[in-house]
C-alpha atoms as a PDB file:
ATOM      1  CA  MET A   1       3.195  20.392 -14.651  1.00  0.00           C
ATOM      2  CA  TYR A   2       4.325  19.988 -11.015  1.00  0.00           C
ATOM      3  CA  LYS A   3       6.961  22.283  -9.567  1.00  0.00           C
ATOM      4  CA  THR A   4       6.950  21.372  -5.862  1.00  0.00           C
ATOM      5  CA  ILE A   5       6.127  17.957  -4.426  1.00  0.00           C
ATOM      6  CA  ILE A   6       5.685  16.924  -0.798  1.00  0.00           C
ATOM      7  CA  CYS A   7       6.248  13.236  -0.065  1.00  0.00           C
ATOM      8  CA  ALA A   8       5.007  12.058   3.328  1.00  0.00           C
ATOM      9  CA  ILE A   9       6.526   8.748   4.374  1.00  0.00           C
ATOM     10  CA  GLU A  10       6.845   6.356   7.266  1.00  0.00           C
ATOM     11  CA  ALA A  11      10.229   5.148   8.511  1.00  0.00           C
ATOM     12  CA  SER A  12       9.793   1.749   6.878  1.00  0.00           C
ATOM     13  CA  ASP A  13      10.425  -0.245   3.710  1.00  0.00           C
ATOM     14  CA  GLU A  14       7.020   0.893   2.453  1.00  0.00           C
ATOM     15  CA  GLY A  15       8.058   4.488   3.080  1.00  0.00           C
ATOM     16  CA  GLN A  16      11.157   3.941   0.951  1.00  0.00           C
ATOM     17  CA  GLU A  17       8.963   2.536  -1.826  1.00  0.00           C
ATOM     18  CA  VAL A  18       6.687   5.592  -1.744  1.00  0.00           C
ATOM     19  CA  LEU A  19       9.717   7.913  -1.687  1.00  0.00           C
ATOM     20  CA  SER A  20      11.263   6.156  -4.676  1.00  0.00           C
ATOM     21  CA  LYS A  21       8.090   6.673  -6.709  1.00  0.00           C
ATOM     22  CA  ALA A  22       7.859  10.311  -5.613  1.00  0.00           C
ATOM     23  CA  HIS A  23      11.492  10.818  -6.586  1.00  0.00           C
ATOM     24  CA  GLU A  24      10.869   9.352 -10.050  1.00  0.00           C
ATOM     25  CA  LEU A  25       7.937  11.697 -10.534  1.00  0.00           C
ATOM     26  CA  SER A  26       9.935  14.697  -9.327  1.00  0.00           C
ATOM     27  CA  GLN A  27      12.669  13.829 -11.824  1.00  0.00           C
ATOM     28  CA  LEU A  28      10.119  13.484 -14.619  1.00  0.00           C
ATOM     29  CA  TYR A  29       8.679  16.948 -13.905  1.00  0.00           C
ATOM     30  CA  GLN A  30      11.986  18.474 -12.739  1.00  0.00           C
ATOM     31  CA  ALA A  31      10.150  19.382  -9.533  1.00  0.00           C
ATOM     32  CA  LYS A  32      11.534  20.201  -6.090  1.00  0.00           C
ATOM     33  CA  LEU A  33      10.896  17.285  -3.702  1.00  0.00           C
ATOM     34  CA  PHE A  34      10.415  17.715   0.042  1.00  0.00           C
ATOM     35  CA  VAL A  35      10.229  14.675   2.305  1.00  0.00           C
ATOM     36  CA  THR A  36       8.380  14.612   5.616  1.00  0.00           C
ATOM     37  CA  HIS A  37       7.596  12.159   8.367  1.00  0.00           C
ATOM     38  CA  ILE A  38       4.934  13.010  10.936  1.00  0.00           C
ATOM     39  CA  ILE A  39       4.980  11.520  14.426  1.00  0.00           C
ATOM     40  CA  PRO A  40       1.386  11.512  15.688  1.00  0.00           C
ATOM     41  CA  TYR A  41       2.220  12.093  19.341  1.00  0.00           C
ATOM     42  CA  THR A  42       1.764  15.601  20.652  1.00  0.00           C
ATOM     43  CA  LEU A  43       0.926  15.045  24.318  1.00  0.00           C
ATOM     44  CA  LEU A  44       4.198  13.366  25.204  1.00  0.00           C
ATOM     45  CA  PRO A  45       6.893  15.046  27.301  1.00  0.00           C
ATOM     46  CA  LYS A  46       9.244  17.203  25.224  1.00  0.00           C
ATOM     47  CA  ASP A  47      12.271  15.041  26.048  1.00  0.00           C
ATOM     48  CA  TYR A  48      10.453  11.919  24.807  1.00  0.00           C
ATOM     49  CA  GLN A  49       9.361  13.766  21.651  1.00  0.00           C
ATOM     50  CA  LYS A  50      13.001  14.698  21.084  1.00  0.00           C
ATOM     51  CA  GLU A  51      13.994  11.048  21.521  1.00  0.00           C
ATOM     52  CA  LEU A  52      11.337   9.899  19.019  1.00  0.00           C
ATOM     53  CA  LYS A  53      12.463  12.506  16.496  1.00  0.00           C
ATOM     54  CA  GLU A  54      16.138  11.638  16.950  1.00  0.00           C
ATOM     55  CA  SER A  55      15.383   7.973  16.332  1.00  0.00           C
ATOM     56  CA  ALA A  56      13.252   8.593  13.200  1.00  0.00           C
ATOM     57  CA  LEU A  57      15.226  11.388  11.531  1.00  0.00           C
ATOM     58  CA  PRO A  58      18.409   9.434  10.603  1.00  0.00           C
ATOM     59  CA  SER A  59      16.375   6.741   8.836  1.00  0.00           C
ATOM     60  CA  ILE A  60      14.320   9.289   6.889  1.00  0.00           C
ATOM     61  CA  GLU A  61      17.442  11.297   5.983  1.00  0.00           C
ATOM     62  CA  LEU A  62      19.286   8.137   4.899  1.00  0.00           C
ATOM     63  CA  ASN A  63      16.389   7.085   2.646  1.00  0.00           C
ATOM     64  CA  ALA A  64      16.297  10.566   1.135  1.00  0.00           C
ATOM     65  CA  ALA A  65      20.089  10.765   0.745  1.00  0.00           C
ATOM     66  CA  SER A  66      20.106   7.459  -1.138  1.00  0.00           C
ATOM     67  CA  LEU A  67      18.105   9.278  -3.834  1.00  0.00           C
ATOM     68  CA  GLY A  68      20.215  12.438  -3.746  1.00  0.00           C
ATOM     69  CA  ILE A  69      17.734  14.445  -1.660  1.00  0.00           C
ATOM     70  CA  SER A  70      19.395  16.967   0.652  1.00  0.00           C
ATOM     71  CA  LYS A  71      18.917  16.845   4.443  1.00  0.00           C
ATOM     72  CA  LYS A  72      17.606  20.409   4.284  1.00  0.00           C
ATOM     73  CA  ASP A  73      14.623  19.111   2.300  1.00  0.00           C
ATOM     74  CA  VAL A  74      13.724  16.512   4.949  1.00  0.00           C
ATOM     75  CA  SER A  75      11.596  17.168   8.037  1.00  0.00           C
ATOM     76  CA  VAL A  76      10.225  15.217  10.973  1.00  0.00           C
ATOM     77  CA  THR A  77       7.428  16.893  12.936  1.00  0.00           C
ATOM     78  CA  PHE A  78       4.732  16.089  15.480  1.00  0.00           C
ATOM     79  CA  GLY A  79       0.975  16.448  15.251  1.00  0.00           C
ATOM     80  CA  LYS A  80      -2.000  15.132  13.364  1.00  0.00           C
ATOM     81  CA  PRO A  81      -0.388  13.703  10.241  1.00  0.00           C
ATOM     82  CA  TYR A  82      -2.921  14.987   7.709  1.00  0.00           C
ATOM     83  CA  GLU A  83      -2.864  18.485   9.218  1.00  0.00           C
ATOM     84  CA  GLN A  84       0.929  18.692   9.321  1.00  0.00           C
ATOM     85  CA  ILE A  85       1.233  17.403   5.752  1.00  0.00           C
ATOM     86  CA  CYS A  86      -1.267  19.992   4.488  1.00  0.00           C
ATOM     87  CA  ILE A  87       0.432  22.786   6.475  1.00  0.00           C
ATOM     88  CA  LEU A  88       3.811  21.882   4.989  1.00  0.00           C
ATOM     89  CA  ALA A  89       2.311  21.751   1.500  1.00  0.00           C
ATOM     90  CA  GLU A  90       0.869  25.246   1.913  1.00  0.00           C
ATOM     91  CA  ARG A  91       4.104  26.601   3.400  1.00  0.00           C
ATOM     92  CA  LYS A  92       6.183  25.196   0.526  1.00  0.00           C
ATOM     93  CA  LYS A  93       3.525  26.150  -2.065  1.00  0.00           C
ATOM     94  CA  ALA A  94       3.384  22.525  -3.193  1.00  0.00           C
ATOM     95  CA  ASP A  95       1.223  21.553  -6.123  1.00  0.00           C
ATOM     96  CA  LEU A  96       1.333  17.804  -5.357  1.00  0.00           C
ATOM     97  CA  ILE A  97       1.371  15.674  -2.211  1.00  0.00           C
ATOM     98  CA  ILE A  98       2.367  12.023  -2.475  1.00  0.00           C
ATOM     99  CA  LEU A  99       1.780   9.516   0.308  1.00  0.00           C
ATOM    100  CA  GLY A 100       1.204   5.831   0.780  1.00  0.00           C
ATOM    101  CA  THR A 101      -2.018   4.172   1.779  1.00  0.00           C
ATOM    102  CA  HIS A 102      -2.673   0.761   3.272  1.00  0.00           C
ATOM    103  CA  SER A 103      -5.587  -1.493   2.423  1.00  0.00           C
ATOM    104  CA  LYS A 104      -7.891  -1.515   5.433  1.00  0.00           C
ATOM    105  CA  LYS A 105     -11.293  -2.880   6.251  1.00  0.00           C
ATOM    106  CA  GLY A 106     -14.262  -1.105   7.742  1.00  0.00           C
ATOM    107  CA  ILE A 107     -14.780   2.631   7.574  1.00  0.00           C
ATOM    108  CA  HIS A 108     -11.371   3.256   6.032  1.00  0.00           C
ATOM    109  CA  ALA A 109     -11.723   0.456   3.474  1.00  0.00           C
ATOM    110  CA  LEU A 110     -10.715   2.588   0.513  1.00  0.00           C
ATOM    111  CA  ILE A 111      -7.907   4.675   1.981  1.00  0.00           C
ATOM    112  CA  GLY A 112      -6.361   5.170   5.419  1.00  0.00           C
ATOM    113  CA  SER A 113      -7.311   7.980   7.764  1.00  0.00           C
ATOM    114  CA  THR A 114      -4.197  10.076   7.023  1.00  0.00           C
ATOM    115  CA  ALA A 115      -4.611   9.678   3.271  1.00  0.00           C
ATOM    116  CA  ASN A 116      -8.313  10.469   3.611  1.00  0.00           C
ATOM    117  CA  GLY A 117      -7.568  13.598   5.647  1.00  0.00           C
ATOM    118  CA  VAL A 118      -4.955  14.827   3.182  1.00  0.00           C
ATOM    119  CA  ALA A 119      -7.225  14.121   0.209  1.00  0.00           C
ATOM    120  CA  ASN A 120     -10.045  16.108   1.847  1.00  0.00           C
ATOM    121  CA  TYR A 121      -8.048  19.082   3.183  1.00  0.00           C
ATOM    122  CA  ALA A 122      -5.162  19.632   0.776  1.00  0.00           C
ATOM    123  CA  LYS A 123      -5.352  22.637  -1.498  1.00  0.00           C
ATOM    124  CA  CYS A 124      -3.322  20.867  -4.172  1.00  0.00           C
ATOM    125  CA  ASP A 125      -3.331  17.549  -6.018  1.00  0.00           C
ATOM    126  CA  VAL A 126      -2.844  14.382  -3.965  1.00  0.00           C
ATOM    127  CA  SER A 127      -1.410  11.132  -5.270  1.00  0.00           C
ATOM    128  CA  LEU A 128      -1.832   7.950  -3.236  1.00  0.00           C
ATOM    129  CA  ILE A 129       0.584   5.062  -3.610  1.00  0.00           C
ATOM    130  CA  LYS A 130      -0.894   1.736  -2.562  1.00  0.00           C
ATOM    131  CA  ILE A 131       1.459  -0.100  -0.210  1.00  0.00           C
END
């Protein structure tokens, strides 16, 4: 059913939980799994962006490696998270995006702003993991 899956995670225990579920699903469908982490800061100096990326990337790669996912299938980028996730999904011709969502109150009571953006703009299926 699914051939290519994008899993967008945070560098946290919750991110590892979402990645584990995405990995299980990719194994079930024998799908290629790409892992991404988006840093939502684009107006910072380039050297500070590099520092942020260098601090996040090892954690994301370690989480992925613990599940047998190659470093070449892991990315850390900057920008609006929902836009970057959807761009990556289109570039990789993904047919499923998996990401976590937090319970929030107010306008984003049902799903978070990133999850909402991905759900509205993705050209493929989106699966939300409640964390």
